Protein backbone atom coordinates (compact mmCIF):
# COMPACT_ATOMS: atom_id res chain seq x y z
CA MET A 1 -11.89 -13.29 11.23
CA ASN A 2 -13.92 -11.98 8.59
CA ILE A 3 -11.75 -10.29 5.38
CA PHE A 4 -12.27 -7.76 2.82
CA LEU A 5 -9.32 -7.60 0.57
CA SER A 6 -8.62 -5.02 -1.59
CA GLY A 7 -5.29 -5.42 -4.04
CA SER A 8 -3.68 -6.46 -6.67
CA GLY A 9 -1.11 -9.01 -8.56
CA VAL A 10 0.78 -12.11 -6.71
CA PHE A 11 1.06 -10.21 -3.73
CA ALA A 12 -2.08 -10.39 -2.98
CA VAL A 13 -2.83 -13.19 -3.88
CA GLN A 14 -0.33 -14.57 -1.39
CA VAL A 15 -1.56 -12.50 1.18
CA ALA A 16 -4.99 -13.64 0.77
CA GLU A 17 -3.51 -17.29 0.55
CA ALA A 18 -1.58 -16.73 3.85
CA LEU A 19 -5.03 -15.38 5.58
CA ASN A 20 -6.84 -18.34 4.55
CA GLY A 21 -4.19 -20.62 5.00
CA ALA A 22 -4.33 -18.87 9.09
CA GLY A 23 -8.33 -19.92 8.85
CA HIS A 24 -9.22 -16.40 8.73
CA SER A 25 -12.18 -16.05 5.74
CA ILE A 26 -12.33 -13.85 2.80
CA ARG A 27 -15.52 -12.27 1.98
CA GLY A 28 -14.66 -10.13 -0.65
CA ILE A 29 -12.37 -8.66 -3.28
CA ALA A 30 -11.71 -5.16 -4.72
CA SER A 31 -9.01 -5.18 -7.59
CA PRO A 32 -8.06 -3.48 -10.93
CA ARG A 33 -10.73 -3.58 -13.79
CA LEU A 34 -9.64 -5.31 -17.12
CA ARG A 35 -7.19 -3.33 -19.30
CA LYS A 36 -8.78 -1.31 -21.81
CA GLY A 37 -9.61 -3.52 -24.85
CA LYS A 38 -10.07 -7.27 -23.41
CA THR A 39 -12.58 -9.64 -22.28
CA VAL A 40 -13.10 -11.79 -19.33
CA GLU A 41 -13.07 -14.71 -21.30
CA ASP A 42 -8.96 -14.42 -21.55
CA ILE A 43 -8.49 -15.33 -17.81
CA SER A 44 -5.08 -14.07 -18.66
CA THR A 45 -5.67 -10.43 -18.88
CA ILE A 46 -7.49 -10.85 -15.59
CA ASP A 47 -5.55 -9.20 -12.92
CA ARG A 48 -4.20 -12.11 -10.76
CA LEU A 49 -6.10 -11.22 -7.28
CA ARG A 50 -9.78 -11.13 -9.54
CA ALA A 51 -8.67 -14.61 -11.54
CA TRP A 52 -8.29 -15.93 -7.78
CA ALA A 53 -11.57 -14.00 -6.47
CA LEU A 54 -13.29 -15.73 -9.67
CA ARG A 55 -12.06 -19.35 -8.96
CA HIS A 56 -13.23 -19.11 -5.50
CA GLU A 57 -16.55 -17.39 -6.07
CA LEU A 58 -16.19 -14.37 -3.99
CA PRO A 59 -18.06 -11.37 -4.54
CA TRP A 60 -15.65 -8.85 -6.70
CA THR A 61 -15.94 -4.72 -7.47
CA ASP A 62 -13.33 -2.57 -9.06
CA ALA A 63 -10.70 -1.03 -7.04
CA GLY A 64 -11.21 1.99 -8.09
CA GLU A 65 -14.80 2.52 -7.50
CA LEU A 66 -14.37 1.12 -4.21
CA ARG A 67 -17.91 2.43 -1.97
CA ALA A 68 -18.65 1.42 1.46
CA HIS A 69 -22.20 -1.12 0.31
CA ASN A 70 -19.09 -3.09 -1.60
CA ILE A 71 -18.26 -4.31 1.57
CA PRO A 72 -20.58 -6.89 2.58
CA ASP A 73 -21.59 -7.27 6.45
CA LYS A 74 -19.72 -9.07 9.39
CA VAL A 75 -16.85 -7.87 7.65
CA HIS A 76 -13.51 -7.86 10.49
CA VAL A 77 -10.98 -6.43 8.68
CA ILE A 78 -10.26 -4.57 5.67
CA VAL A 79 -6.80 -5.77 4.00
CA SER A 80 -5.10 -3.50 1.33
CA ALA A 81 -2.42 -4.89 -0.49
CA HIS A 82 -0.87 -3.64 -3.16
CA SER A 83 -3.83 -1.17 -4.07
CA HIS A 84 -3.26 2.20 -4.73
CA ALA A 85 -6.90 3.18 -4.65
CA PHE A 86 -8.00 5.32 -1.85
CA ILE A 87 -10.10 3.67 1.01
CA GLY A 88 -12.78 6.68 2.46
CA ARG A 89 -13.69 6.82 5.79
CA GLN A 90 -17.36 5.30 5.25
CA THR A 91 -16.00 2.54 3.68
CA ARG A 92 -13.52 1.87 6.03
CA ALA A 93 -16.08 1.80 8.96
CA ARG A 94 -17.84 -1.01 7.40
CA ALA A 95 -15.08 -3.13 8.90
CA SER A 96 -15.57 -4.07 12.74
CA VAL A 97 -12.39 -3.93 13.55
CA ALA A 98 -9.85 -2.50 11.62
CA ALA A 99 -8.92 -1.18 8.19
CA ILE A 100 -4.71 -1.92 7.84
CA GLY A 101 -2.59 -1.61 4.61
CA TYR A 102 0.88 -2.51 3.67
CA HIS A 103 3.92 -0.22 2.52
CA PRO A 104 7.43 -1.12 1.33
CA SER A 105 8.95 1.04 4.04
CA LEU A 106 9.83 2.27 7.01
CA LEU A 107 7.00 4.30 7.30
CA PRO A 108 6.98 7.87 8.03
CA LEU A 109 9.89 7.37 5.30
CA HIS A 110 9.16 7.17 1.82
CA ARG A 111 5.81 7.95 1.80
CA GLY A 112 4.08 7.23 -1.44
CA ARG A 113 3.17 5.29 -4.64
CA ASP A 114 6.71 4.40 -5.54
CA ALA A 115 8.80 3.95 -2.46
CA ILE A 116 11.10 0.99 -3.57
CA LYS A 117 11.95 3.25 -6.43
CA TRP A 118 12.95 5.85 -4.26
CA THR A 119 14.66 3.39 -2.19
CA ILE A 120 17.10 2.31 -4.89
CA ARG A 121 17.55 5.50 -6.56
CA ASP A 122 18.56 7.40 -3.01
CA ARG A 123 21.59 4.70 -2.56
CA ASP A 124 19.59 3.51 1.20
CA LYS A 125 21.29 0.86 2.84
CA VAL A 126 18.44 -0.18 5.08
CA THR A 127 14.55 -0.16 4.81
CA GLY A 128 11.92 -2.45 5.19
CA GLY A 129 8.34 -3.07 5.28
CA THR A 130 5.08 -1.44 7.33
CA VAL A 131 1.41 -2.39 7.94
CA TYR A 132 -0.57 0.76 8.98
CA HIS A 133 -3.98 1.82 9.79
CA LEU A 134 -5.69 3.03 7.29
CA THR A 135 -6.48 6.68 7.86
CA GLU A 136 -7.66 10.42 5.66
CA ARG A 137 -3.53 10.63 5.79
CA THR A 138 -2.38 9.04 2.64
CA ASP A 139 0.42 6.36 4.22
CA GLY A 140 0.35 8.03 7.68
CA GLY A 141 -1.65 6.37 9.96
CA PRO A 142 -0.51 4.67 13.18
CA ILE A 143 1.85 1.68 13.00
CA ALA A 144 0.41 -1.60 13.91
CA ALA A 145 3.93 -3.77 12.66
CA GLN A 146 7.15 -2.41 11.35
CA GLU A 147 10.40 -4.48 10.26
CA HIS A 148 13.78 -3.64 9.03
CA ILE A 149 15.96 -4.98 6.17
CA LEU A 150 18.93 -4.05 4.75
CA VAL A 151 19.39 -3.54 0.88
CA PRO A 152 21.63 -5.45 -1.20
CA PRO A 153 24.44 -3.53 -2.72
CA GLU A 154 22.85 -4.90 -6.01
CA ALA A 155 19.48 -4.65 -5.50
CA SER A 156 17.11 -3.53 -8.29
CA VAL A 157 13.70 -2.13 -7.93
CA GLU A 158 11.98 -5.85 -8.72
CA SER A 159 14.78 -8.22 -6.99
CA LEU A 160 13.82 -5.97 -3.37
CA TRP A 161 10.39 -6.35 -3.66
CA ARG A 162 10.01 -10.02 -5.25
CA ASP A 163 12.87 -11.31 -3.25
CA GLN A 164 11.93 -9.11 0.29
CA LEU A 165 9.77 -6.58 0.97
CA ALA A 166 6.96 -8.44 -0.62
CA PRO A 167 7.57 -12.04 1.35
CA LEU A 168 7.76 -9.15 5.10
CA GLY A 169 4.14 -7.84 4.18
CA VAL A 170 2.69 -11.22 3.73
CA GLN A 171 4.59 -12.13 7.31
CA LEU A 172 2.96 -8.57 8.60
CA LEU A 173 -0.16 -8.46 7.31
CA LEU A 174 -1.01 -12.02 8.74
CA ARG A 175 0.50 -11.30 12.28
CA VAL A 176 -1.18 -8.14 12.28
CA VAL A 177 -5.04 -9.71 11.54
CA ASN A 178 -3.57 -12.55 13.97
CA ASP A 179 -2.74 -9.80 16.23
CA LEU A 180 -6.52 -8.14 15.94
CA ALA A 181 -8.22 -11.30 16.28
CA GLY A 182 -6.55 -12.02 19.48
CA GLY A 183 -7.68 -8.73 20.70
CA LEU A 184 -4.19 -6.75 20.25
CA ARG A 185 -4.37 -3.45 18.89
CA ILE A 186 -0.98 -2.40 17.96
CA MET A 187 -1.64 1.98 16.52
CA VAL A 188 2.03 3.57 17.25
CA PRO A 189 1.72 7.10 16.03
CA GLN A 190 4.26 7.88 13.00
CA ASP A 191 6.54 10.84 13.86
CA GLU A 192 5.55 13.43 11.33
CA GLN A 193 9.28 14.87 11.70
CA LEU A 194 10.56 12.43 9.92
CA ALA A 195 8.28 11.84 7.30
CA SER A 196 9.37 11.78 3.80
CA TRP A 197 7.36 11.86 0.94
CA GLU A 198 7.94 11.55 -2.89
CA PRO A 199 6.17 11.43 -5.98
CA SER A 200 5.66 9.30 -8.69
CA MET A 201 8.65 8.99 -11.01
CA ASP A 202 5.79 8.61 -13.47
CA ALA A 203 4.20 11.28 -13.35
CA PRO A 204 4.81 14.86 -14.93
CA LEU A 205 6.94 17.19 -13.43
CA LEU A 206 4.82 19.89 -11.51
CA PHE A 207 5.92 23.33 -10.85
CA LYS A 208 4.21 25.76 -8.47
CA PRO A 209 6.30 28.52 -7.52
CA GLU A 210 3.41 30.12 -5.98
CA LEU A 211 3.22 26.86 -3.64
CA VAL A 212 6.46 28.27 -2.40
CA ALA A 213 7.68 31.22 -0.35
CA LEU A 214 9.52 34.35 -2.55
CA PRO A 215 13.38 33.87 -2.68
CA GLY A 216 15.42 36.34 -1.25
CA PRO A 217 18.19 37.65 -3.12
CA ASP A 218 20.80 34.76 -2.68
CA SER A 219 18.19 32.41 -3.17
CA VAL A 220 18.84 29.57 -5.81
CA PHE A 221 15.81 27.27 -7.13
CA VAL A 222 17.93 23.53 -7.56
CA THR A 223 16.59 20.66 -9.49
CA ASP A 224 16.52 17.41 -10.86
CA ALA A 225 14.27 15.28 -12.79
CA ASN A 226 11.62 14.66 -10.37
CA LYS A 227 12.19 16.79 -7.77
CA TRP A 228 11.98 21.01 -7.39
CA ALA A 229 13.98 22.79 -3.66
CA LEU A 230 14.39 25.95 -2.60
CA VAL A 231 18.22 26.93 -1.60
CA ALA A 232 18.11 29.66 0.57
């Protein structure tokens, strides 16, 4: 299968290596641009996936500006691996077979970019990874593969990602690409009744009272550092 890979960091490189090792062909890369004030001559300042693309002489584009014209001809699958850039409808349509991504939660639970942080914050005992088909709804597309793991009591955000969720993501993405290459296309709709979405923990607090129902006389607002809730 011909693959266009959008992602960042060590995880995306591991996905690229796994796909190459399985006989698939990476045709292009999208990853973050150089950090502000850095130059391309200092290879250590480049995102690891971009450095990998340079070594393999693959065309590269900034993930934040990925458009349909950046996708080469004859790409079968677009793979999103630790990419927070939205991949639009016309861009996805450039892939003749599928556009898929990996999310480190049991979707539809913990949609949003800080899924692992919320898993640890909420003291979840079970989590997992999901490969899903990219759609207009962020983290809301049909599920192609999913597996659960138990969260170790001592786990941190970093250790849970590094030791369990990242390796699981590489495995699941490779499985789905291999399935697609064999003509097997799995698309299980997410159950919206079970969906949860949390904001980025780095985002400033947003209070929009006009977006919630007017409280009754016995209602109170309950807040924590990251959420507003209306308790009737």
